[in-house]
Amino acid sequence: MAKTHTRFVCQECGRVSASYMGKCPQCGSFDSMVEEIIHDEPVTKGPASVRGLTGRSQPRPIGEVSGDAEDRIPLPMGEFARVLGGGIVPGSIVLVGGDPGIGKSTLMLQMASEMAVKKRVLYVSGEESERQIKMRAARLGDGKKDFPANLLLVTETNLEIILNHVSDVKPELLIVDSIQTVYLSELDSSAGSVSQVRECASQLRELAKSSGISIFIIGHVTKEGAIAGPRVLEHIVDTVLYLEGDRFQAYRLLRSVKNRFGATSEVGVFEMRERGLAEVTNPSEAFLAERMINAPGSSIAVTMEGTRPILVEIQGLTSPTQFGNARRTPNGVDFNRLLLIAAVLTRRMGLKLSEQDVFVNVVGGIQIDEPAADLAIAAAIASSWKDISVRADTVLIGEIGLAGELRMPGQMQTRLREAAKLGFKTAIVPKAIRKGEGWPKDIEIIEARSVGQALDVALTSEARETPKGRKVA
């Protein structure tokens, strides 16, 4: 007879405890311990069942292993293909996460509809019925009644039945929405628990590697923004994608945080419309479309998202504080970075920001993490404090140090070429100390050693000509 015993598993970190605890001692989460009943199978004599990808694994010399790269499956959505590294790799398993209502299921259904033109696609949903999925597909297709015959829908949460459907249908692309709703009947824990998510993801991985089927898994996220479930879930899959964006903004960013077949710094830009997610092939132009020219407190930064430069508008506002302590309110930039820039402006530039509430906003709902936007943030704050507009045809690129000096960020040539392509005439950048590739010819470069020199040029457009043809603050 099989014996049973009870254990408690933390749903945040996976720690196992013999008794219930209100606070997990490993991750510090409260009320995250869930009871699970474990069946201890009796030990039987004889050969044990071996679980693996093929069941007939055999070590081979590396020289005998075929090294030909498999062709990727073309993906009609260019922004999605960019994030994946150029297309879908056969036999790969991709995890897509994001906040509720951000557009994960919409993006997957759009991709499934486009891939079903040439490939057989099985869309498995544990959250919606086939009728609900068809209604959404009709909305995305602008009411069209002709749907791809190769797009198959099924509502199922039992993984054993799902694998039977895969065996019968033999799809080339499998989409599971979502991994938290799928369960194995041999486990007593509920769907979405640590053990269920781990085991279901492991079996889907074995299916992908043994059959060559490309699998996309949708995952829920916690209130902190991380993928719900055990951390091992992100280690099991080949690629982890996050769909980000403000729910009150139209733009969505598809970002790769793990990719075994491509770069992890690429980003795809989409716009949420009535007919679904539309690709934004030129995000810089879209983010600057509603910019108010010559308005105090506005500057243009050039940020790098992977290999793509994106021009965004930085807005700054200073207002006399009504309380004892001045507030610092960032939206789209790091809070500690804003404190550093405000301290440099107060100490090195003499701006009395200790008496001002400072607000900084990145237009379009983008989150900027790199320090190359420091100079643009400083210019927006100083422009609002002095009530003088920044030159409308100027971009500002540079990292600010604690001494008020400007430091050169990476990929400067790519940033400047993108700014010139969008019609900007001038770029204020840190002074180049080391010799390197020359500046682009179609944009005027103004070099500055300190943030004070850069802001003097940006706010008053004063510069003097040098013998080399450049302008130096």
Protein backbone atom coordinates (compact mmCIF):
# COMPACT_ATOMS: atom_id res chain seq x y z
CA MET A 1 0.00 0.00 0.00
CA ALA A 2 1.21 3.49 -0.84
CA LYS A 3 1.70 5.74 2.14
CA THR A 4 0.63 9.38 2.16
CA HIS A 5 2.02 12.33 4.03
CA THR A 6 1.43 16.06 4.01
CA ARG A 7 3.92 18.81 3.25
CA PHE A 8 3.69 22.56 2.78
CA VAL A 9 5.30 24.24 -0.24
CA CYS A 10 5.94 27.97 -0.66
CA GLN A 11 4.36 29.17 -3.92
CA GLU A 12 6.92 31.94 -4.31
CA CYS A 13 10.27 30.17 -3.89
CA GLY A 14 9.39 26.47 -3.64
CA ARG A 15 10.66 25.86 -0.08
CA VAL A 16 9.25 22.66 1.44
CA SER A 17 8.28 22.49 5.10
CA ALA A 18 6.79 19.73 7.20
CA SER A 19 4.45 22.14 9.00
CA TYR A 20 2.60 25.29 8.09
CA MET A 21 4.32 28.64 8.59
CA GLY A 22 2.72 32.02 8.13
CA LYS A 23 5.95 33.50 6.77
CA CYS A 24 8.35 31.64 4.51
CA PRO A 25 11.81 31.71 6.14
CA GLN A 26 13.54 31.62 2.73
CA CYS A 27 11.85 34.39 0.70
CA GLY A 28 9.92 36.20 3.45
CA SER A 29 6.51 35.88 1.75
CA PHE A 30 3.42 35.79 3.95
CA ASP A 31 0.61 33.22 3.52
CA SER A 32 2.42 31.53 0.62
CA MET A 33 2.59 28.02 2.14
CA VAL A 34 0.14 25.63 0.42
CA GLU A 35 -0.61 22.12 1.64
CA GLU A 36 0.24 19.20 -0.68
CA ILE A 37 -0.48 15.51 -0.20
CA ILE A 38 2.33 13.20 -1.33
CA HIS A 39 1.87 9.52 -2.13
CA ASP A 40 4.94 7.39 -1.43
CA GLU A 41 4.89 4.56 -3.94
CA PRO A 42 6.11 1.20 -2.63
CA VAL A 43 9.54 0.09 -3.81
CA THR A 44 9.33 -2.63 -6.44
CA LYS A 45 12.05 -4.93 -7.57
CA GLY A 46 13.07 -5.04 -11.20
CA PRO A 47 14.04 -2.44 -13.79
CA ALA A 48 12.86 1.04 -12.94
CA SER A 49 11.08 3.15 -15.53
CA VAL A 50 13.44 5.68 -17.05
CA ARG A 51 12.16 9.09 -18.04
CA GLY A 52 14.02 11.04 -20.71
CA LEU A 53 13.77 12.86 -24.00
CA THR A 54 14.02 9.77 -26.22
CA GLY A 55 14.49 6.82 -23.88
CA ARG A 56 17.50 5.68 -25.94
CA SER A 57 20.14 8.27 -25.15
CA GLN A 58 23.70 7.33 -26.13
CA PRO A 59 26.88 9.40 -25.59
CA ARG A 60 28.67 10.32 -28.84
CA PRO A 61 31.86 12.21 -29.68
CA ILE A 62 31.18 15.87 -30.36
CA GLY A 63 32.72 15.57 -33.79
CA GLU A 64 30.05 13.09 -34.85
CA VAL A 65 27.20 15.37 -33.81
CA SER A 66 25.55 17.16 -36.72
CA GLY A 67 26.42 20.85 -36.45
CA ASP A 68 24.22 22.21 -39.23
CA ALA A 69 22.09 25.08 -37.97
CA GLU A 70 18.38 24.47 -38.40
CA ASP A 71 16.48 27.01 -40.44
CA ARG A 72 14.22 29.20 -38.38
CA ILE A 73 10.51 29.25 -39.10
CA PRO A 74 9.69 32.65 -40.66
CA LEU A 75 7.40 34.79 -38.53
CA PRO A 76 5.31 37.40 -40.41
CA MET A 77 5.32 39.75 -37.38
CA GLY A 78 8.65 41.53 -37.81
CA GLU A 79 8.79 42.98 -34.30
CA PHE A 80 8.12 39.57 -32.76
CA ALA A 81 10.73 37.94 -35.00
CA ARG A 82 13.30 40.58 -33.95
CA VAL A 83 12.89 39.70 -30.28
CA LEU A 84 13.12 35.96 -30.94
CA GLY A 85 16.35 36.45 -32.89
CA GLY A 86 15.02 36.23 -36.46
CA GLY A 87 12.25 33.64 -36.28
CA ILE A 88 10.97 30.59 -34.44
CA VAL A 89 13.51 27.84 -33.77
CA PRO A 90 12.03 24.35 -34.32
CA GLY A 91 11.84 22.41 -31.06
CA SER A 92 12.15 25.50 -28.87
CA ILE A 93 9.95 26.37 -25.89
CA VAL A 94 9.16 30.04 -25.25
CA LEU A 95 7.63 31.54 -22.10
CA VAL A 96 5.64 34.78 -22.50
CA GLY A 97 4.76 36.72 -19.34
CA GLY A 98 3.14 40.04 -18.53
CA ASP A 99 0.61 41.82 -16.35
CA PRO A 100 -3.08 40.85 -16.58
CA GLY A 101 -4.80 42.54 -19.51
CA ILE A 102 -1.56 43.69 -21.13
CA GLY A 103 -2.24 41.70 -24.34
CA LYS A 104 -0.47 38.32 -24.01
CA SER A 105 -3.35 36.21 -25.32
CA THR A 106 -4.06 38.75 -28.06
CA LEU A 107 -0.46 38.64 -29.25
CA MET A 108 -0.39 34.83 -29.23
CA LEU A 109 -3.68 34.56 -31.13
CA GLN A 110 -2.47 37.04 -33.75
CA MET A 111 0.73 35.06 -34.19
CA ALA A 112 -1.21 31.77 -34.37
CA SER A 113 -3.54 33.18 -37.05
CA GLU A 114 -0.64 34.33 -39.20
CA MET A 115 1.40 31.16 -38.73
CA ALA A 116 -1.64 28.96 -39.54
CA VAL A 117 -1.48 30.11 -43.16
CA LYS A 118 1.44 27.73 -43.79
CA LYS A 119 1.79 25.71 -40.55
CA ARG A 120 -0.54 23.60 -38.44
CA VAL A 121 -1.14 25.36 -35.11
CA LEU A 122 -2.84 24.01 -31.98
CA TYR A 123 -4.06 26.66 -29.52
CA VAL A 124 -4.80 25.17 -26.10
CA SER A 125 -6.61 27.43 -23.63
CA GLY A 126 -7.39 26.70 -20.02
CA GLU A 127 -8.96 30.10 -19.37
CA GLU A 128 -11.34 30.66 -22.31
CA SER A 129 -13.77 28.54 -24.29
CA GLU A 130 -13.45 27.95 -28.02
CA ARG A 131 -16.35 30.34 -28.59
CA GLN A 132 -14.65 33.14 -26.69
CA ILE A 133 -11.40 32.62 -28.60
CA LYS A 134 -13.25 32.69 -31.93
CA MET A 135 -15.00 35.93 -30.93
CA ARG A 136 -11.62 37.51 -30.20
CA ALA A 137 -10.19 36.16 -33.46
CA ALA A 138 -13.12 37.68 -35.35
CA ARG A 139 -12.50 41.05 -33.68
CA LEU A 140 -8.81 40.89 -34.55
CA GLY A 141 -9.67 39.95 -38.13
CA ASP A 142 -12.11 42.86 -38.49
CA GLY A 143 -15.15 40.56 -38.56
CA LYS A 144 -13.82 38.19 -41.22
CA LYS A 145 -15.57 34.85 -41.36
CA ASP A 146 -12.78 33.04 -43.19
CA PHE A 147 -10.38 31.60 -40.64
CA PRO A 148 -7.26 29.50 -41.36
CA ALA A 149 -8.13 25.82 -41.54
CA ASN A 150 -4.82 24.91 -39.89
CA LEU A 151 -5.64 26.83 -36.69
CA LEU A 152 -7.13 24.34 -34.22
CA LEU A 153 -8.65 25.35 -30.88
CA VAL A 154 -9.24 23.26 -27.78
CA THR A 155 -10.15 24.09 -24.19
CA GLU A 156 -8.35 21.66 -21.89
CA THR A 157 -6.37 21.79 -18.64
CA ASN A 158 -5.37 18.14 -18.21
CA LEU A 159 -1.85 17.75 -19.60
CA GLU A 160 -2.28 14.04 -20.39
CA ILE A 161 -5.25 14.85 -22.64
CA ILE A 162 -3.36 17.77 -24.21
CA LEU A 163 -0.48 15.44 -25.11
CA ASN A 164 -2.99 13.02 -26.66
CA HIS A 165 -4.37 15.87 -28.78
CA VAL A 166 -0.84 16.74 -29.87
CA SER A 167 -0.23 13.13 -30.84
CA ASP A 168 -3.42 13.03 -32.92
CA VAL A 169 -3.18 16.48 -34.53
CA LYS A 170 0.62 16.58 -34.99
CA PRO A 171 0.93 20.39 -34.97
CA GLU A 172 4.10 22.26 -35.84
CA LEU A 173 3.31 25.01 -33.33
CA LEU A 174 1.67 24.56 -29.91
CA ILE A 175 0.40 27.43 -27.75
CA VAL A 176 -0.59 26.81 -24.11
CA ASP A 177 -2.60 29.54 -22.35
CA SER A 178 -1.63 29.40 -19.56
CA ILE A 179 0.84 27.14 -17.73
CA GLN A 180 -0.80 27.99 -14.37
CA THR A 181 -4.07 26.34 -15.46
CA VAL A 182 -2.53 23.06 -16.66
CA TYR A 183 -2.22 20.12 -14.27
CA LEU A 184 -1.13 16.50 -14.10
CA SER A 185 -3.67 14.12 -12.59
CA GLU A 186 -0.94 12.02 -10.96
CA LEU A 187 -0.11 14.95 -8.66
CA ASP A 188 -2.52 15.78 -5.84
CA SER A 189 -1.68 19.47 -5.69
CA SER A 190 -3.91 22.02 -7.39
CA ALA A 191 -3.20 23.62 -10.76
CA GLY A 192 -0.79 26.56 -10.51
CA SER A 193 1.13 25.15 -7.55
CA VAL A 194 4.91 24.89 -7.60
CA SER A 195 4.97 21.14 -8.24
CA GLN A 196 2.31 21.27 -10.98
CA VAL A 197 3.97 24.15 -12.87
CA ARG A 198 7.39 22.51 -12.63
CA GLU A 199 6.28 19.07 -13.80
CA CYS A 200 4.00 20.35 -16.57
CA ALA A 201 6.74 22.60 -17.94
CA SER A 202 9.23 19.72 -17.81
CA GLN A 203 6.94 17.45 -19.83
CA LEU A 204 6.28 20.18 -22.39
CA ARG A 205 10.03 20.69 -22.72
CA GLU A 206 10.53 16.96 -23.34
CA LEU A 207 7.78 17.11 -25.98
CA ALA A 208 9.47 20.03 -27.75
CA LYS A 209 12.96 18.49 -27.75
CA SER A 210 11.85 15.00 -28.82
CA SER A 211 9.30 15.95 -31.49
CA GLY A 212 10.61 19.27 -32.85
CA ILE A 213 7.34 21.08 -32.09
CA SER A 214 7.78 24.76 -31.21
CA ILE A 215 5.86 25.53 -28.01
CA PHE A 216 4.75 28.91 -26.66
CA ILE A 217 3.65 29.07 -23.02
CA ILE A 218 1.81 32.01 -21.47
CA GLY A 219 2.65 32.59 -17.80
CA HIS A 220 1.07 34.73 -15.12
CA VAL A 221 3.14 37.24 -13.17
CA THR A 222 3.17 38.16 -9.50
CA LYS A 223 2.46 41.62 -8.13
CA GLU A 224 6.22 42.27 -8.18
CA GLY A 225 6.25 41.62 -11.95
CA ALA A 226 8.09 38.25 -11.89
CA ILE A 227 6.81 35.07 -13.53
CA ALA A 228 4.53 33.27 -11.08
CA GLY A 229 5.62 29.84 -9.95
CA PRO A 230 9.03 28.35 -9.22
CA ARG A 231 12.16 30.00 -10.53
CA VAL A 232 13.06 26.74 -12.24
CA LEU A 233 10.30 27.48 -14.79
CA GLU A 234 12.49 30.16 -16.40
CA HIS A 235 15.45 27.76 -16.42
CA ILE A 236 13.46 25.04 -18.17
CA VAL A 237 12.42 27.12 -21.19
CA ASP A 238 14.69 28.36 -23.97
CA THR A 239 13.37 31.91 -24.19
CA VAL A 240 11.63 34.19 -21.69
CA LEU A 241 9.71 37.18 -23.07
CA TYR A 242 7.96 39.93 -21.13
CA LEU A 243 5.16 42.05 -22.60
CA GLU A 244 5.42 45.39 -20.82
CA GLY A 245 3.65 48.71 -20.93
CA ASP A 246 1.29 51.00 -19.10
CA ARG A 247 -2.29 49.79 -19.33
CA PHE A 248 -3.37 53.41 -19.82
CA GLN A 249 -0.95 53.86 -22.73
CA ALA A 250 -1.32 52.42 -26.20
CA TYR A 251 2.25 51.19 -26.62
CA ARG A 252 3.49 47.73 -25.59
CA LEU A 253 7.10 46.57 -25.44
CA LEU A 254 7.99 42.91 -26.00
CA ARG A 255 11.33 42.40 -24.24
CA SER A 256 13.58 39.35 -24.12
CA VAL A 257 15.24 38.57 -20.78
CA LYS A 258 16.53 35.12 -21.75
CA ASN A 259 17.19 33.74 -25.22
CA ARG A 260 19.32 30.72 -26.08
CA PHE A 261 19.00 31.46 -29.79
CA GLY A 262 19.48 35.23 -29.96
CA ALA A 263 20.27 38.46 -28.16
CA THR A 264 18.63 39.19 -24.81
CA SER A 265 18.58 42.96 -25.26
CA GLU A 266 16.22 43.23 -28.24
CA VAL A 267 12.80 44.82 -27.91
CA GLY A 268 9.72 44.88 -30.13
CA VAL A 269 7.29 47.80 -30.08
CA PHE A 270 3.55 47.37 -30.62
CA GLU A 271 0.53 49.65 -30.38
CA MET A 272 -2.70 48.36 -28.90
CA ARG A 273 -5.59 49.10 -31.23
CA GLU A 274 -9.15 47.89 -31.66
CA ARG A 275 -8.00 45.15 -34.05
CA GLY A 276 -5.20 43.98 -31.77
CA LEU A 277 -1.50 44.74 -31.51
CA ALA A 278 -0.10 46.65 -34.48
CA GLU A 279 3.64 46.73 -35.15
CA VAL A 280 5.45 50.05 -34.71
CA THR A 281 8.32 49.90 -37.18
CA ASN A 282 9.55 53.43 -36.36
CA PRO A 283 8.98 53.89 -32.62
CA SER A 284 10.98 57.13 -32.41
CA GLU A 285 8.63 58.89 -34.80
CA ALA A 286 5.61 57.58 -32.91
CA PHE A 287 6.91 58.69 -29.50
CA LEU A 288 7.69 62.21 -30.77
CA ALA A 289 4.47 62.71 -32.76
CA GLU A 290 2.66 64.72 -30.05
CA ARG A 291 5.65 66.71 -28.87
CA MET A 292 5.07 70.41 -28.17
CA ILE A 293 7.91 72.39 -29.75
CA ASN A 294 9.78 75.00 -27.68
CA ALA A 295 7.96 74.11 -24.47
CA PRO A 296 10.04 74.59 -21.28
CA GLY A 297 10.80 71.33 -19.51
CA SER A 298 11.05 69.14 -22.62
CA SER A 299 14.16 67.49 -24.06
CA ILE A 300 14.99 64.61 -26.40
CA ALA A 301 17.05 61.60 -25.31
CA VAL A 302 18.38 58.77 -27.48
CA THR A 303 18.14 55.45 -25.66
CA MET A 304 19.26 52.04 -26.91
CA GLU A 305 16.87 49.09 -26.75
CA GLY A 306 19.14 46.24 -27.79
CA THR A 307 20.58 47.21 -31.16
CA ARG A 308 17.78 49.68 -31.90
CA PRO A 309 18.10 53.39 -31.02
CA ILE A 310 14.86 55.03 -29.90
CA LEU A 311 14.33 58.77 -29.49
CA VAL A 312 12.01 59.65 -26.61
CA GLU A 313 10.80 62.87 -25.08
CA ILE A 314 11.79 63.57 -21.48
CA GLN A 315 9.52 65.98 -19.60
CA GLY A 316 10.57 67.75 -16.42
CA LEU A 317 8.60 69.98 -14.11
CA THR A 318 9.66 71.89 -11.01
CA SER A 319 7.17 73.43 -8.64
CA PRO A 320 7.67 75.18 -5.27
CA THR A 321 7.10 72.66 -2.53
CA GLN A 322 4.15 73.13 -0.23
CA PHE A 323 5.61 70.97 2.54
CA GLY A 324 8.87 70.75 4.43
CA ASN A 325 10.44 68.04 2.29
CA ALA A 326 10.62 68.42 -1.49
CA ARG A 327 9.24 65.51 -3.53
CA ARG A 328 10.97 63.62 -6.33
CA THR A 329 8.47 61.84 -8.58
CA PRO A 330 9.82 59.85 -11.57
CA ASN A 331 7.77 58.06 -14.21
CA GLY A 332 9.83 55.95 -16.58
CA VAL A 333 13.23 56.63 -14.97
CA ASP A 334 14.94 55.17 -11.93
CA PHE A 335 14.17 56.99 -8.69
CA ASN A 336 17.73 56.83 -7.38
CA ARG A 337 19.03 58.12 -10.72
CA LEU A 338 16.70 61.10 -10.43
CA LEU A 339 17.99 61.83 -6.93
CA LEU A 340 21.57 61.75 -8.22
CA ILE A 341 20.83 64.13 -11.10
CA ALA A 342 18.93 66.53 -8.83
CA ALA A 343 21.84 66.54 -6.36
CA VAL A 344 24.36 67.31 -9.13
CA LEU A 345 22.20 70.16 -10.44
CA THR A 346 21.89 71.59 -6.93
CA ARG A 347 25.56 71.26 -6.00
CA ARG A 348 27.32 71.90 -9.34
CA MET A 349 24.84 74.18 -11.13
CA GLY A 350 23.47 76.16 -8.20
CA LEU A 351 19.83 75.31 -8.91
CA LYS A 352 17.83 75.56 -5.68
CA LEU A 353 15.98 72.30 -6.13
CA SER A 354 15.80 71.67 -2.40
CA GLU A 355 12.82 74.04 -2.39
CA GLN A 356 11.21 72.51 -5.49
CA ASP A 357 9.12 69.42 -6.15
CA VAL A 358 10.66 67.69 -9.18
CA PHE A 359 8.62 65.56 -11.58
CA VAL A 360 10.14 63.64 -14.51
CA ASN A 361 8.13 61.75 -17.11
CA VAL A 362 9.11 59.67 -20.15
CA VAL A 363 6.46 60.09 -22.84
CA GLY A 364 4.96 56.89 -24.22
CA GLY A 365 5.23 54.73 -21.11
CA ILE A 366 8.83 53.59 -21.81
CA GLN A 367 11.11 52.64 -18.92
CA ILE A 368 14.66 54.00 -19.35
CA ASP A 369 17.34 52.20 -17.38
CA GLU A 370 20.57 53.27 -19.08
CA PRO A 371 22.52 56.34 -17.86
CA ALA A 372 22.87 57.81 -21.38
CA ALA A 373 19.63 59.75 -20.75
CA ASP A 374 21.08 61.59 -17.72
CA LEU A 375 21.89 64.75 -19.69
CA ALA A 376 18.41 64.91 -21.24
CA ILE A 377 16.81 64.50 -17.80
CA ALA A 378 19.03 67.25 -16.36
CA ALA A 379 18.17 69.54 -19.29
CA ALA A 380 14.44 68.98 -18.81
CA ILE A 381 14.66 69.83 -15.10
CA ALA A 382 16.86 72.89 -15.65
CA SER A 383 14.64 74.07 -18.49
CA SER A 384 11.56 73.97 -16.28
CA TRP A 385 13.36 75.66 -13.36
CA LYS A 386 14.68 78.51 -15.55
CA ASP A 387 11.52 78.58 -17.72
CA ILE A 388 13.69 78.47 -20.85
CA SER A 389 12.99 75.93 -23.59
CA VAL A 390 15.63 73.53 -24.88
CA ARG A 391 16.57 73.93 -28.53
CA ALA A 392 13.90 72.10 -30.51
CA ASP A 393 16.27 70.52 -33.05
CA THR A 394 18.75 69.23 -30.44
CA VAL A 395 19.23 65.83 -28.84
CA LEU A 396 21.21 65.38 -25.62
CA ILE A 397 23.27 62.25 -24.97
CA GLY A 398 25.56 61.67 -22.00
CA GLU A 399 26.04 60.16 -18.57
CA ILE A 400 26.46 62.53 -15.63
CA GLY A 401 29.07 61.88 -12.93
CA LEU A 402 29.01 63.11 -9.34
CA ALA A 403 31.58 65.80 -10.14
CA GLY A 404 29.31 67.20 -12.84
CA GLU A 405 31.38 65.74 -15.68
CA LEU A 406 29.91 64.10 -18.77
CA ARG A 407 30.88 60.57 -19.75
CA MET A 408 30.58 58.95 -23.15
CA PRO A 409 27.96 56.16 -23.47
CA GLY A 410 28.26 53.25 -25.86
CA GLN A 411 27.03 52.98 -29.46
CA MET A 412 27.24 56.73 -29.98
CA GLN A 413 27.45 56.49 -33.77
CA THR A 414 24.21 54.53 -33.97
CA ARG A 415 22.43 57.04 -31.74
CA LEU A 416 23.60 60.02 -33.79
CA ARG A 417 22.65 58.46 -37.12
CA GLU A 418 19.13 57.77 -35.84
CA ALA A 419 18.78 61.36 -34.62
CA ALA A 420 19.97 62.72 -37.98
CA LYS A 421 17.55 60.45 -39.84
CA LEU A 422 14.63 61.94 -37.90
CA GLY A 423 15.63 65.50 -38.80
CA PHE A 424 17.52 66.69 -35.71
CA LYS A 425 20.25 69.17 -36.59
CA THR A 426 22.35 69.29 -33.41
CA ALA A 427 23.57 66.82 -30.81
CA ILE A 428 25.15 67.77 -27.48
CA VAL A 429 27.49 64.98 -26.41
CA PRO A 430 30.42 64.46 -24.01
CA LYS A 431 33.82 65.55 -25.30
CA ALA A 432 35.64 62.66 -26.93
CA ILE A 433 38.91 62.06 -25.07
CA ARG A 434 40.00 58.98 -27.00
CA LYS A 435 40.33 58.98 -30.79
CA GLY A 436 37.87 56.77 -32.56
CA GLU A 437 35.43 56.74 -35.43
CA GLY A 438 34.59 60.20 -36.72
CA TRP A 439 31.27 61.87 -36.07
CA PRO A 440 28.50 61.60 -38.69
CA LYS A 441 28.59 64.43 -41.24
CA ASP A 442 24.85 65.13 -41.42
CA ILE A 443 24.42 66.35 -37.84
CA GLU A 444 26.19 69.13 -35.96
CA ILE A 445 28.09 67.86 -32.92
CA ILE A 446 28.62 70.08 -29.86
CA GLU A 447 31.01 68.61 -27.30
CA ALA A 448 30.91 69.52 -23.61
CA ARG A 449 33.08 68.46 -20.70
CA SER A 450 30.59 69.21 -17.92
CA VAL A 451 26.85 69.32 -17.42
CA GLY A 452 27.08 73.09 -16.90
CA GLN A 453 28.63 73.64 -20.32
CA ALA A 454 26.09 71.36 -21.97
CA LEU A 455 23.12 73.12 -20.37
CA ASP A 456 24.48 76.56 -21.31
CA VAL A 457 24.50 75.45 -24.94
CA ALA A 458 21.15 73.66 -24.80
CA LEU A 459 19.28 76.52 -23.14
CA THR A 460 20.98 79.55 -24.72
CA SER A 461 22.42 78.04 -27.96
CA GLU A 462 25.80 79.69 -27.33
CA ALA A 463 28.81 77.96 -28.87
CA ARG A 464 32.09 78.93 -30.42
CA GLU A 465 33.73 77.49 -33.53
CA THR A 466 36.89 75.43 -33.16
CA PRO A 467 39.67 74.98 -35.77
CA LYS A 468 38.54 71.36 -36.31
CA GLY A 469 35.07 72.42 -37.43
CA ARG A 470 33.36 71.11 -34.31
CA LYS A 471 31.65 73.21 -31.73
CA VAL A 472 32.75 73.09 -28.13
CA ALA A 473 30.78 74.58 -25.27
